PDB file of N, CA and C in Angstrom:
ATOM      1  N   MET A   1      17.059  10.858  -7.502  1.00  0.00           N
ATOM      2  CA  MET A   1      15.613  11.214  -8.275  1.00  0.00           C
ATOM      3  C   MET A   1      15.364  12.352  -8.001  1.00  0.00           C
ATOM      4  N   HIS A   2      14.874  12.803  -9.050  1.00  0.00           N
ATOM      5  CA  HIS A   2      14.660  13.916  -9.419  1.00  0.00           C
ATOM      6  C   HIS A   2      12.777  14.234  -9.192  1.00  0.00           C
ATOM      7  N   ASP A   3      11.928  13.395  -9.494  1.00  0.00           N
ATOM      8  CA  ASP A   3      10.956  12.936  -9.692  1.00  0.00           C
ATOM      9  C   ASP A   3      10.447  11.461  -9.522  1.00  0.00           C
ATOM     10  N   LEU A   4       8.860  11.637  -9.183  1.00  0.00           N
ATOM     11  CA  LEU A   4       8.362  10.206  -9.044  1.00  0.00           C
ATOM     12  C   LEU A   4       6.814  10.773  -9.337  1.00  0.00           C
ATOM     13  N   THR A   5       6.263  10.272 -10.833  1.00  0.00           N
ATOM     14  CA  THR A   5       4.735  10.746 -10.882  1.00  0.00           C
ATOM     15  C   THR A   5       4.015   8.834 -10.460  1.00  0.00           C
ATOM     16  N   LEU A   6       2.774   9.223  -9.796  1.00  0.00           N
ATOM     17  CA  LEU A   6       2.205   7.836  -9.565  1.00  0.00           C
ATOM     18  C   LEU A   6       1.564   8.008 -10.526  1.00  0.00           C
ATOM     19  N   THR A   7       0.417   7.120 -11.219  1.00  0.00           N
ATOM     20  CA  THR A   7      -0.448   7.181 -12.490  1.00  0.00           C
ATOM     21  C   THR A   7      -1.738   5.962 -11.323  1.00  0.00           C
ATOM     22  N   PHE A   8      -2.679   6.214 -11.330  1.00  0.00           N
ATOM     23  CA  PHE A   8      -3.960   5.054 -11.089  1.00  0.00           C
ATOM     24  C   PHE A   8      -4.907   5.159 -12.558  1.00  0.00           C
ATOM     25  N   ASN A   9      -4.362   3.831 -12.920  1.00  0.00           N
ATOM     26  CA  ASN A   9      -5.215   3.700 -14.735  1.00  0.00           C
ATOM     27  C   ASN A   9      -6.796   2.812 -14.116  1.00  0.00           C
ATOM     28  N   ASP A  10      -7.145   2.194 -13.065  1.00  0.00           N
ATOM     29  CA  ASP A  10      -8.189   1.564 -12.292  1.00  0.00           C
ATOM     30  C   ASP A  10      -8.003   0.640 -11.388  1.00  0.00           C
ATOM     31  N   ARG A  11      -8.641   0.207 -10.926  1.00  0.00           N
ATOM     32  CA  ARG A  11      -8.195  -0.369  -9.208  1.00  0.00           C
ATOM     33  C   ARG A  11      -7.309  -1.335  -9.721  1.00  0.00           C
ATOM     34  N   ASP A  12      -7.031  -1.992 -10.588  1.00  0.00           N
ATOM     35  CA  ASP A  12      -6.241  -2.985 -11.034  1.00  0.00           C
ATOM     36  C   ASP A  12      -4.603  -2.576 -11.820  1.00  0.00           C
ATOM     37  N   HIS A  13      -4.243  -1.811 -12.043  1.00  0.00           N
ATOM     38  CA  HIS A  13      -3.249  -0.963 -12.719  1.00  0.00           C
ATOM     39  C   HIS A  13      -2.537   0.093 -11.731  1.00  0.00           C
ATOM     40  N   PHE A  14      -1.540   0.072 -11.944  1.00  0.00           N
ATOM     41  CA  PHE A  14      -0.921   1.306 -11.990  1.00  0.00           C
ATOM     42  C   PHE A  14       0.250   1.555 -12.394  1.00  0.00           C
ATOM     43  N   SER A  15       0.652   3.019 -12.468  1.00  0.00           N
ATOM     44  CA  SER A  15       2.749   3.216 -12.966  1.00  0.00           C
ATOM     45  C   SER A  15       3.105   4.194 -12.144  1.00  0.00           C
ATOM     46  N   GLN A  16       4.485   3.624 -11.881  1.00  0.00           N
ATOM     47  CA  GLN A  16       5.516   4.805 -11.942  1.00  0.00           C
ATOM     48  C   GLN A  16       6.326   5.227 -13.111  1.00  0.00           C
ATOM     49  N   GLY A  17       6.518   6.779 -12.988  1.00  0.00           N
ATOM     50  CA  GLY A  17       7.602   6.807 -13.641  1.00  0.00           C
ATOM     51  C   GLY A  17       8.540   7.672 -13.071  1.00  0.00           C
ATOM     52  N   TRP A  18       9.891   7.288 -12.855  1.00  0.00           N
ATOM     53  CA  TRP A  18      10.834   7.804 -12.208  1.00  0.00           C
ATOM     54  C   TRP A  18      11.762   8.782 -13.691  1.00  0.00           C
ATOM     55  N   PHE A  19      11.755   9.554 -12.695  1.00  0.00           N
ATOM     56  CA  PHE A  19      12.770  10.834 -13.486  1.00  0.00           C
ATOM     57  C   PHE A  19      14.264  11.314 -12.918  1.00  0.00           C
ATOM     58  N   LEU A  20      15.388  10.656 -13.490  1.00  0.00           N
ATOM     59  CA  LEU A  20      16.370  10.818 -12.942  1.00  0.00           C
ATOM     60  C   LEU A  20      17.345  11.650 -13.380  1.00  0.00           C
ATOM     61  N   ARG A  21      18.536  12.242 -12.800  1.00  0.00           N
ATOM     62  CA  ARG A  21      19.465  13.535 -13.883  1.00  0.00           C
ATOM     63  C   ARG A  21      21.079  12.181 -13.476  1.00  0.00           C
ATOM     64  N   ILE A  22      21.180  11.887 -14.156  1.00  0.00           N
ATOM     65  CA  ILE A  22      22.426  11.335 -13.878  1.00  0.00           C
ATOM     66  C   ILE A  22      23.261  12.189 -15.124  1.00  0.00           C
ATOM     67  N   ASP A  23      24.850  12.289 -14.289  1.00  0.00           N
ATOM     68  CA  ASP A  23      25.669  13.204 -15.064  1.00  0.00           C
ATOM     69  C   ASP A  23      25.541  14.144 -16.300  1.00  0.00           C
ATOM     70  N   GLY A  24      24.115  14.878 -15.873  1.00  0.00           N
ATOM     71  CA  GLY A  24      23.606  16.031 -16.693  1.00  0.00           C
ATOM     72  C   GLY A  24      22.461  15.720 -17.712  1.00  0.00           C
ATOM     73  N   LYS A  25      22.017  14.678 -17.470  1.00  0.00           N
ATOM     74  CA  LYS A  25      21.633  13.137 -18.634  1.00  0.00           C
ATOM     75  C   LYS A  25      19.898  13.390 -17.844  1.00  0.00           C
ATOM     76  N   HIS A  26      19.031  13.931 -18.421  1.00  0.00           N
ATOM     77  CA  HIS A  26      17.649  13.970 -18.022  1.00  0.00           C
ATOM     78  C   HIS A  26      17.717  11.999 -18.379  1.00  0.00           C
ATOM     79  N   ASN A  27      17.214  11.181 -17.255  1.00  0.00           N
ATOM     80  CA  ASN A  27      16.733   9.541 -18.130  1.00  0.00           C
ATOM     81  C   ASN A  27      15.030   9.174 -17.621  1.00  0.00           C
ATOM     82  N   ARG A  28      14.493   8.577 -17.599  1.00  0.00           N
ATOM     83  CA  ARG A  28      13.246   7.949 -17.200  1.00  0.00           C
ATOM     84  C   ARG A  28      12.516   6.981 -17.528  1.00  0.00           C
ATOM     85  N   THR A  29      11.910   6.475 -16.439  1.00  0.00           N
ATOM     86  CA  THR A  29      12.387   4.495 -16.012  1.00  0.00           C
ATOM     87  C   THR A  29      10.224   4.390 -16.361  1.00  0.00           C
ATOM     88  N   VAL A  30       9.464   3.647 -16.408  1.00  0.00           N
ATOM     89  CA  VAL A  30       8.516   3.824 -16.030  1.00  0.00           C
ATOM     90  C   VAL A  30       8.105   2.098 -15.688  1.00  0.00           C
ATOM     91  N   PHE A  31       7.089   1.878 -14.748  1.00  0.00           N
ATOM     92  CA  PHE A  31       7.492   0.947 -13.977  1.00  0.00           C
ATOM     93  C   PHE A  31       5.294   0.456 -14.426  1.00  0.00           C
ATOM     94  N   GLU A  32       5.214  -0.386 -15.120  1.00  0.00           N
ATOM     95  CA  GLU A  32       4.224  -0.928 -14.919  1.00  0.00           C
ATOM     96  C   GLU A  32       3.637  -2.091 -14.324  1.00  0.00           C
ATOM     97  N   PHE A  33       2.467  -2.014 -13.176  1.00  0.00           N
ATOM     98  CA  PHE A  33       1.860  -3.013 -11.920  1.00  0.00           C
ATOM     99  C   PHE A  33       0.396  -3.205 -12.501  1.00  0.00           C
ATOM    100  N   GLU A  34       1.123  -4.778 -12.500  1.00  0.00           N
ATOM    101  CA  GLU A  34      -0.837  -5.343 -12.282  1.00  0.00           C
ATOM    102  C   GLU A  34      -1.575  -5.986 -10.961  1.00  0.00           C
ATOM    103  N   ARG A  35      -2.093  -5.969 -10.472  1.00  0.00           N
ATOM    104  CA  ARG A  35      -2.832  -6.489  -9.571  1.00  0.00           C
ATOM    105  C   ARG A  35      -2.703  -7.619 -10.010  1.00  0.00           C
ATOM    106  N   VAL A  36      -2.653  -8.747  -9.155  1.00  0.00           N
ATOM    107  CA  VAL A  36      -2.500 -10.235  -9.441  1.00  0.00           C
ATOM    108  C   VAL A  36      -3.935 -10.475  -8.225  1.00  0.00           C
ATOM    109  N   LYS A  37      -4.723 -10.987  -9.683  1.00  0.00           N
ATOM    110  CA  LYS A  37      -6.527 -11.172  -8.829  1.00  0.00           C
ATOM    111  C   LYS A  37      -6.454 -13.005  -8.179  1.00  0.00           C
ATOM    112  N   GLY A  38      -6.984 -12.901  -7.029  1.00  0.00           N
ATOM    113  CA  GLY A  38      -7.353 -13.945  -6.100  1.00  0.00           C
ATOM    114  C   GLY A  38      -5.598 -14.396  -5.158  1.00  0.00           C
ATOM    115  N   ALA A  39      -5.168 -12.983  -5.028  1.00  0.00           N
ATOM    116  CA  ALA A  39      -3.348 -13.422  -4.735  1.00  0.00           C
ATOM    117  C   ALA A  39      -3.905 -12.607  -3.012  1.00  0.00           C
ATOM    118  N   GLY A  40      -4.749 -13.701  -2.149  1.00  0.00           N
ATOM    119  CA  GLY A  40      -4.284 -13.205  -0.838  1.00  0.00           C
ATOM    120  C   GLY A  40      -5.906 -11.997  -0.867  1.00  0.00           C
ATOM    121  N   GLN A  41      -6.323 -11.898  -1.447  1.00  0.00           N
ATOM    122  CA  GLN A  41      -7.119 -10.794  -1.331  1.00  0.00           C
ATOM    123  C   GLN A  41      -8.880 -11.014  -0.971  1.00  0.00           C
ATOM    124  N   PRO A  42      -9.467 -10.425   0.066  1.00  0.00           N
ATOM    125  CA  PRO A  42     -10.472 -10.543   0.526  1.00  0.00           C
ATOM    126  C   PRO A  42     -11.879 -10.661  -0.751  1.00  0.00           C
ATOM    127  N   SER A  43     -13.264 -11.500  -0.149  1.00  0.00           N
ATOM    128  CA  SER A  43     -13.892 -11.490  -1.729  1.00  0.00           C
ATOM    129  C   SER A  43     -14.401 -10.198  -1.866  1.00  0.00           C
ATOM    130  N   GLY A  44     -15.040  -9.976  -3.160  1.00  0.00           N
ATOM    131  CA  GLY A  44     -15.868  -8.510  -3.269  1.00  0.00           C
ATOM    132  C   GLY A  44     -14.691  -7.288  -3.748  1.00  0.00           C
ATOM    133  N   TRP A  45     -13.213  -7.773  -4.183  1.00  0.00           N
ATOM    134  CA  TRP A  45     -12.151  -6.587  -4.053  1.00  0.00           C
ATOM    135  C   TRP A  45     -11.846  -6.574  -5.730  1.00  0.00           C
TER     136      TRP A  45
END
């Protein structure tokens, strides 16, 4: 891993941008996450 970027879009969404160097090539992979509503969260979240 060369770099990791975390982006918080709002309180229910964020993304991870992973930057890798493999055999001299640059690769980027982005994972998008979304909070699941009502999954064990206290009320008011």
